Amino acid sequence: MAKQQKKPTDKELEILQVIWADGPSNVRHINEVLAAKTGIGYTTTLKLMQIMFEKGLLSRSKDGKSHIYSSEVSKDHAQGQIIDKLMNTVFNGSVKSLVMQALGNKKSSKKELDEIRAYLDKLEGGIGD
């Protein structure tokens, strides 16, 4: 569990997003996905992943001549860390300000708004429990 206390950088998050979406992967696959979006080089991806392994953000296993990397950080945990930091540093700890800004920045679909309402109803129902 102590490994999950490390906070990934923006570049590390890009790597984690590939692994979360595609599952355990080798450096070549992750680099191909990232290079298509950002132009990052193979050696840069490799170095970042080695650092992430040392930090405990990734684990690796041998598969022939290459290593297969897996995330040691859940997507939910990473998102929670980022939201906590954002809320505390930018929104002065205010959940209301964070949510209002998020909803005001981008038009939400009816489906998304319905899901948000359902979630708020669920939260309100749990207050008296």
N, C-alpha and C. Protein backbone atom coordinates (compact mmCIF):
# COMPACT_ATOMS: atom_id res chain seq x y z
N MET A 1 0.81 -1.21 0.00
CA MET A 1 0.00 0.00 0.00
C MET A 1 0.85 1.27 0.00
N ALA A 2 2.00 1.22 0.63
CA ALA A 2 2.83 2.41 0.69
C ALA A 2 3.22 2.88 -0.71
N LYS A 3 3.32 1.95 -1.65
CA LYS A 3 3.68 2.31 -3.01
C LYS A 3 2.65 3.25 -3.62
N GLN A 4 1.39 3.11 -3.25
CA GLN A 4 0.34 3.92 -3.85
C GLN A 4 0.31 5.34 -3.32
N GLN A 5 1.18 5.67 -2.36
CA GLN A 5 1.21 7.02 -1.85
C GLN A 5 1.97 7.96 -2.78
N LYS A 6 2.76 7.43 -3.69
CA LYS A 6 3.49 8.26 -4.65
C LYS A 6 2.51 8.89 -5.62
N LYS A 7 2.72 10.16 -5.90
CA LYS A 7 1.84 10.86 -6.83
C LYS A 7 2.50 10.91 -8.20
N PRO A 8 1.83 10.38 -9.22
CA PRO A 8 2.42 10.41 -10.57
C PRO A 8 2.45 11.82 -11.15
N THR A 9 3.51 12.09 -11.91
CA THR A 9 3.61 13.36 -12.64
C THR A 9 2.67 13.30 -13.85
N ASP A 10 2.55 14.39 -14.57
CA ASP A 10 1.70 14.42 -15.77
C ASP A 10 2.16 13.39 -16.80
N LYS A 11 3.45 13.30 -17.04
CA LYS A 11 3.98 12.33 -18.02
C LYS A 11 3.76 10.90 -17.54
N GLU A 12 3.93 10.69 -16.25
CA GLU A 12 3.69 9.35 -15.69
C GLU A 12 2.22 8.97 -15.81
N LEU A 13 1.35 9.95 -15.65
CA LEU A 13 -0.09 9.69 -15.81
C LEU A 13 -0.42 9.26 -17.24
N GLU A 14 0.25 9.85 -18.20
CA GLU A 14 0.03 9.45 -19.60
C GLU A 14 0.37 7.97 -19.79
N ILE A 15 1.45 7.53 -19.19
CA ILE A 15 1.85 6.12 -19.27
C ILE A 15 0.83 5.24 -18.55
N LEU A 16 0.43 5.67 -17.36
CA LEU A 16 -0.56 4.89 -16.60
C LEU A 16 -1.88 4.78 -17.37
N GLN A 17 -2.28 5.84 -18.05
CA GLN A 17 -3.53 5.80 -18.80
C GLN A 17 -3.49 4.74 -19.90
N VAL A 18 -2.34 4.58 -20.53
CA VAL A 18 -2.20 3.53 -21.56
C VAL A 18 -2.35 2.16 -20.91
N ILE A 19 -1.68 1.96 -19.78
CA ILE A 19 -1.76 0.67 -19.10
C ILE A 19 -3.17 0.41 -18.58
N TRP A 20 -3.82 1.43 -18.04
CA TRP A 20 -5.19 1.25 -17.56
C TRP A 20 -6.12 0.88 -18.71
N ALA A 21 -5.91 1.46 -19.86
CA ALA A 21 -6.77 1.20 -21.02
C ALA A 21 -6.45 -0.13 -21.70
N ASP A 22 -5.16 -0.44 -21.86
CA ASP A 22 -4.75 -1.59 -22.66
C ASP A 22 -4.29 -2.79 -21.84
N GLY A 23 -4.10 -2.60 -20.54
CA GLY A 23 -3.60 -3.68 -19.71
C GLY A 23 -2.08 -3.71 -19.70
N PRO A 24 -1.50 -4.65 -18.96
CA PRO A 24 -0.05 -4.75 -18.88
C PRO A 24 0.59 -4.74 -20.27
N SER A 25 1.67 -3.97 -20.42
CA SER A 25 2.26 -3.73 -21.75
C SER A 25 3.77 -3.60 -21.66
N ASN A 26 4.41 -3.80 -22.81
CA ASN A 26 5.85 -3.55 -22.88
C ASN A 26 6.09 -2.10 -23.27
N VAL A 27 7.33 -1.68 -23.17
CA VAL A 27 7.69 -0.29 -23.44
C VAL A 27 7.35 0.09 -24.88
N ARG A 28 7.60 -0.82 -25.82
CA ARG A 28 7.35 -0.53 -27.23
C ARG A 28 5.88 -0.16 -27.47
N HIS A 29 4.97 -0.93 -26.90
CA HIS A 29 3.54 -0.64 -27.10
C HIS A 29 3.18 0.72 -26.51
N ILE A 30 3.61 0.95 -25.28
CA ILE A 30 3.29 2.22 -24.62
C ILE A 30 3.87 3.39 -25.41
N ASN A 31 5.10 3.23 -25.87
CA ASN A 31 5.72 4.30 -26.66
C ASN A 31 4.98 4.55 -27.96
N GLU A 32 4.51 3.49 -28.63
CA GLU A 32 3.77 3.67 -29.88
C GLU A 32 2.50 4.48 -29.65
N VAL A 33 1.79 4.19 -28.57
CA VAL A 33 0.56 4.92 -28.25
C VAL A 33 0.88 6.39 -27.94
N LEU A 34 1.87 6.60 -27.09
CA LEU A 34 2.22 7.98 -26.70
C LEU A 34 2.84 8.77 -27.84
N ALA A 35 3.68 8.12 -28.64
CA ALA A 35 4.34 8.82 -29.75
C ALA A 35 3.32 9.31 -30.76
N ALA A 36 2.24 8.56 -30.95
CA ALA A 36 1.20 8.99 -31.89
C ALA A 36 0.52 10.27 -31.40
N LYS A 37 0.48 10.48 -30.09
CA LYS A 37 -0.17 11.67 -29.52
C LYS A 37 0.80 12.81 -29.28
N THR A 38 2.01 12.47 -28.80
CA THR A 38 2.91 13.52 -28.31
C THR A 38 4.26 13.56 -29.01
N GLY A 39 4.60 12.51 -29.76
CA GLY A 39 5.90 12.47 -30.42
C GLY A 39 7.04 12.06 -29.49
N ILE A 40 6.74 11.56 -28.31
CA ILE A 40 7.76 11.16 -27.35
C ILE A 40 8.63 10.04 -27.93
N GLY A 41 9.92 10.07 -27.62
CA GLY A 41 10.85 9.07 -28.12
C GLY A 41 10.89 7.83 -27.24
N TYR A 42 11.33 6.73 -27.83
CA TYR A 42 11.38 5.45 -27.13
C TYR A 42 12.25 5.52 -25.87
N THR A 43 13.44 6.11 -25.97
CA THR A 43 14.32 6.13 -24.80
C THR A 43 13.74 6.99 -23.67
N THR A 44 13.00 8.02 -24.01
CA THR A 44 12.35 8.84 -22.98
C THR A 44 11.26 8.02 -22.28
N THR A 45 10.46 7.30 -23.07
CA THR A 45 9.42 6.44 -22.48
C THR A 45 10.06 5.39 -21.58
N LEU A 46 11.11 4.75 -22.06
CA LEU A 46 11.80 3.72 -21.28
C LEU A 46 12.31 4.31 -19.96
N LYS A 47 12.96 5.46 -20.01
CA LYS A 47 13.51 6.08 -18.80
C LYS A 47 12.40 6.42 -17.81
N LEU A 48 11.31 6.99 -18.32
CA LEU A 48 10.18 7.33 -17.44
C LEU A 48 9.62 6.07 -16.76
N MET A 49 9.51 5.00 -17.53
CA MET A 49 8.97 3.76 -16.96
C MET A 49 9.93 3.14 -15.95
N GLN A 50 11.22 3.27 -16.17
CA GLN A 50 12.19 2.79 -15.18
C GLN A 50 12.08 3.58 -13.88
N ILE A 51 11.91 4.89 -14.00
CA ILE A 51 11.72 5.73 -12.82
C ILE A 51 10.43 5.36 -12.10
N MET A 52 9.37 5.13 -12.88
CA MET A 52 8.08 4.74 -12.29
C MET A 52 8.20 3.41 -11.56
N PHE A 53 8.98 2.49 -12.11
CA PHE A 53 9.22 1.20 -11.45
C PHE A 53 9.93 1.43 -10.12
N GLU A 54 10.96 2.28 -10.12
CA GLU A 54 11.71 2.58 -8.90
C GLU A 54 10.84 3.26 -7.84
N LYS A 55 9.90 4.09 -8.29
CA LYS A 55 8.99 4.79 -7.38
C LYS A 55 7.87 3.89 -6.87
N GLY A 56 7.72 2.71 -7.49
CA GLY A 56 6.65 1.80 -7.07
C GLY A 56 5.34 2.04 -7.78
N LEU A 57 5.34 2.87 -8.82
CA LEU A 57 4.12 3.12 -9.58
C LEU A 57 3.84 1.99 -10.57
N LEU A 58 4.90 1.30 -11.01
CA LEU A 58 4.77 0.18 -11.94
C LEU A 58 5.47 -1.04 -11.37
N SER A 59 4.99 -2.21 -11.75
CA SER A 59 5.71 -3.45 -11.49
C SER A 59 6.08 -4.00 -12.86
N ARG A 60 7.02 -4.93 -12.89
CA ARG A 60 7.40 -5.50 -14.19
C ARG A 60 7.73 -6.97 -14.03
N SER A 61 7.49 -7.69 -15.11
CA SER A 61 7.82 -9.10 -15.16
C SER A 61 8.50 -9.38 -16.49
N LYS A 62 9.33 -10.38 -16.51
CA LYS A 62 10.10 -10.73 -17.70
C LYS A 62 9.22 -11.54 -18.64
N ASP A 63 9.25 -11.20 -19.92
CA ASP A 63 8.55 -11.96 -20.96
C ASP A 63 9.52 -12.10 -22.13
N GLY A 64 10.27 -13.19 -22.14
CA GLY A 64 11.30 -13.34 -23.16
C GLY A 64 12.38 -12.32 -22.93
N LYS A 65 12.66 -11.53 -23.94
CA LYS A 65 13.71 -10.51 -23.84
C LYS A 65 13.19 -9.16 -23.33
N SER A 66 11.89 -9.01 -23.26
CA SER A 66 11.35 -7.71 -22.83
C SER A 66 10.66 -7.83 -21.47
N HIS A 67 10.35 -6.67 -20.92
CA HIS A 67 9.61 -6.59 -19.67
C HIS A 67 8.17 -6.18 -19.95
N ILE A 68 7.27 -6.73 -19.18
CA ILE A 68 5.86 -6.33 -19.23
C ILE A 68 5.60 -5.52 -17.96
N TYR A 69 5.10 -4.31 -18.16
CA TYR A 69 4.85 -3.41 -17.04
C TYR A 69 3.36 -3.38 -16.70
N SER A 70 3.08 -3.38 -15.40
CA SER A 70 1.71 -3.29 -14.89
C SER A 70 1.63 -2.12 -13.92
N SER A 71 0.45 -1.56 -13.80
CA SER A 71 0.26 -0.44 -12.88
C SER A 71 0.15 -0.96 -11.45
N GLU A 72 0.80 -0.28 -10.54
CA GLU A 72 0.66 -0.56 -9.11
C GLU A 72 -0.24 0.49 -8.46
N VAL A 73 -0.80 1.37 -9.28
CA VAL A 73 -1.68 2.44 -8.80
C VAL A 73 -3.00 2.29 -9.53
N SER A 74 -4.08 2.21 -8.77
CA SER A 74 -5.39 2.11 -9.41
C SER A 74 -5.78 3.46 -10.00
N LYS A 75 -6.58 3.41 -11.04
CA LYS A 75 -7.06 4.64 -11.68
C LYS A 75 -7.84 5.49 -10.67
N ASP A 76 -8.71 4.85 -9.89
CA ASP A 76 -9.50 5.58 -8.89
C ASP A 76 -8.61 6.27 -7.86
N HIS A 77 -7.56 5.57 -7.42
CA HIS A 77 -6.65 6.15 -6.43
C HIS A 77 -5.94 7.38 -7.00
N ALA A 78 -5.42 7.25 -8.22
CA ALA A 78 -4.72 8.36 -8.85
C ALA A 78 -5.65 9.55 -9.06
N GLN A 79 -6.87 9.28 -9.53
CA GLN A 79 -7.83 10.36 -9.73
C GLN A 79 -8.15 11.04 -8.41
N GLY A 80 -8.29 10.26 -7.35
CA GLY A 80 -8.58 10.82 -6.03
C GLY A 80 -7.46 11.73 -5.55
N GLN A 81 -6.21 11.31 -5.76
CA GLN A 81 -5.07 12.14 -5.37
C GLN A 81 -5.06 13.46 -6.12
N ILE A 82 -5.34 13.39 -7.41
CA ILE A 82 -5.32 14.59 -8.24
C ILE A 82 -6.44 15.55 -7.84
N ILE A 83 -7.62 15.00 -7.63
CA ILE A 83 -8.76 15.83 -7.22
C ILE A 83 -8.49 16.47 -5.86
N ASP A 84 -7.96 15.70 -4.91
CA ASP A 84 -7.64 16.27 -3.59
C ASP A 84 -6.67 17.43 -3.71
N LYS A 85 -5.62 17.22 -4.51
CA LYS A 85 -4.61 18.29 -4.68
C LYS A 85 -5.23 19.51 -5.34
N LEU A 86 -6.00 19.27 -6.40
CA LEU A 86 -6.66 20.37 -7.11
C LEU A 86 -7.62 21.13 -6.19
N MET A 87 -8.43 20.39 -5.46
CA MET A 87 -9.41 21.03 -4.59
C MET A 87 -8.71 21.86 -3.51
N ASN A 88 -7.65 21.31 -2.94
CA ASN A 88 -6.97 22.03 -1.85
C ASN A 88 -6.12 23.19 -2.32
N THR A 89 -5.50 23.07 -3.50
CA THR A 89 -4.60 24.14 -3.94
C THR A 89 -5.29 25.21 -4.77
N VAL A 90 -6.27 24.82 -5.57
CA VAL A 90 -6.91 25.78 -6.46
C VAL A 90 -8.25 26.27 -5.92
N PHE A 91 -8.99 25.39 -5.24
CA PHE A 91 -10.34 25.74 -4.80
C PHE A 91 -10.45 25.89 -3.29
N ASN A 92 -9.31 26.06 -2.63
CA ASN A 92 -9.29 26.34 -1.19
C ASN A 92 -10.09 25.33 -0.38
N GLY A 93 -10.11 24.09 -0.82
CA GLY A 93 -10.80 23.03 -0.10
C GLY A 93 -12.30 22.98 -0.34
N SER A 94 -12.82 23.79 -1.24
CA SER A 94 -14.27 23.87 -1.46
C SER A 94 -14.73 22.89 -2.55
N VAL A 95 -15.47 21.87 -2.13
CA VAL A 95 -16.05 20.92 -3.07
C VAL A 95 -17.02 21.65 -4.00
N LYS A 96 -17.81 22.54 -3.42
CA LYS A 96 -18.80 23.28 -4.22
C LYS A 96 -18.13 24.06 -5.35
N SER A 97 -17.07 24.78 -5.04
CA SER A 97 -16.38 25.57 -6.08
C SER A 97 -15.81 24.67 -7.17
N LEU A 98 -15.23 23.55 -6.77
CA LEU A 98 -14.67 22.61 -7.74
C LEU A 98 -15.76 22.07 -8.66
N VAL A 99 -16.86 21.63 -8.10
CA VAL A 99 -17.94 21.04 -8.89
C VAL A 99 -18.59 22.10 -9.78
N MET A 100 -18.83 23.28 -9.26
CA MET A 100 -19.46 24.34 -10.05
C MET A 100 -18.56 24.73 -11.23
N GLN A 101 -17.27 24.82 -10.99
CA GLN A 101 -16.34 25.15 -12.07
C GLN A 101 -16.32 24.04 -13.11
N ALA A 102 -16.27 22.80 -12.66
CA ALA A 102 -16.24 21.67 -13.59
C ALA A 102 -17.51 21.63 -14.44
N LEU A 103 -18.65 21.84 -13.84
CA LEU A 103 -19.91 21.81 -14.58
C LEU A 103 -20.06 23.03 -15.50
N GLY A 104 -19.47 24.14 -15.12
CA GLY A 104 -19.58 25.35 -15.93
C GLY A 104 -18.58 25.40 -17.08
N ASN A 105 -17.53 24.62 -17.00
CA ASN A 105 -16.47 24.66 -18.02
C ASN A 105 -16.82 23.92 -19.30
N LYS A 106 -17.64 22.91 -19.20
CA LYS A 106 -17.93 22.06 -20.35
C LYS A 106 -19.40 21.65 -20.30
N LYS A 107 -20.05 21.73 -21.43
CA LYS A 107 -21.46 21.35 -21.48
C LYS A 107 -21.59 19.86 -21.22
N SER A 108 -22.40 19.51 -20.25
CA SER A 108 -22.64 18.12 -19.91
C SER A 108 -23.85 17.61 -20.68
N SER A 109 -23.81 16.34 -21.04
CA SER A 109 -24.95 15.74 -21.71
C SER A 109 -26.07 15.49 -20.70
N LYS A 110 -27.27 15.29 -21.20
CA LYS A 110 -28.40 14.98 -20.32
C LYS A 110 -28.11 13.74 -19.52
N LYS A 111 -27.51 12.74 -20.17
CA LYS A 111 -27.19 11.49 -19.48
C LYS A 111 -26.22 11.74 -18.32
N GLU A 112 -25.18 12.55 -18.58
CA GLU A 112 -24.22 12.86 -17.53
C GLU A 112 -24.90 13.59 -16.37
N LEU A 113 -25.74 14.56 -16.68
CA LEU A 113 -26.44 15.31 -15.64
C LEU A 113 -27.37 14.40 -14.83
N ASP A 114 -28.05 13.47 -15.52
CA ASP A 114 -28.91 12.51 -14.82
C ASP A 114 -28.10 11.64 -13.86
N GLU A 115 -26.91 11.22 -14.32
CA GLU A 115 -26.04 10.40 -13.46
C GLU A 115 -25.54 11.21 -12.26
N ILE A 116 -25.24 12.49 -12.48
CA ILE A 116 -24.80 13.36 -11.38
C ILE A 116 -25.94 13.53 -10.38
N ARG A 117 -27.16 13.77 -10.89
CA ARG A 117 -28.32 13.91 -9.99
C ARG A 117 -28.54 12.64 -9.18
N ALA A 118 -28.44 11.50 -9.83
CA ALA A 118 -28.62 10.22 -9.13
C ALA A 118 -27.56 10.05 -8.06
N TYR A 119 -26.34 10.43 -8.36
CA TYR A 119 -25.26 10.31 -7.38
C TYR A 119 -25.50 11.25 -6.19
N LEU A 120 -25.94 12.49 -6.47
CA LEU A 120 -26.25 13.44 -5.39
C LEU A 120 -27.41 12.92 -4.54
N ASP A 121 -28.43 12.35 -5.18
CA ASP A 121 -29.54 11.77 -4.43
C ASP A 121 -29.06 10.65 -3.52
N LYS A 122 -28.15 9.83 -4.03
CA LYS A 122 -27.58 8.74 -3.24
C LYS A 122 -26.81 9.28 -2.05
N LEU A 123 -26.01 10.35 -2.28
CA LEU A 123 -25.27 10.96 -1.19
C LEU A 123 -26.20 11.54 -0.13
N GLU A 124 -27.25 12.23 -0.57
CA GLU A 124 -28.19 12.82 0.37
C GLU A 124 -28.91 11.75 1.17
N GLY A 125 -29.22 10.63 0.53
CA GLY A 125 -29.88 9.52 1.22
C GLY A 125 -29.02 8.91 2.30
N GLY A 126 -27.71 9.01 2.13
CA GLY A 126 -26.79 8.42 3.11
C GLY A 126 -26.47 9.32 4.28
N ILE A 127 -26.92 10.59 4.24
CA ILE A 127 -26.58 11.54 5.30
C ILE A 127 -27.20 11.15 6.63
N GLY A 128 -28.41 10.69 6.61
CA GLY A 128 -29.10 10.35 7.85
C GLY A 128 -28.78 8.97 8.37
N ASP A 129 -28.05 8.17 7.59
CA ASP A 129 -27.77 6.79 8.02
C ASP A 129 -26.75 6.72 9.12
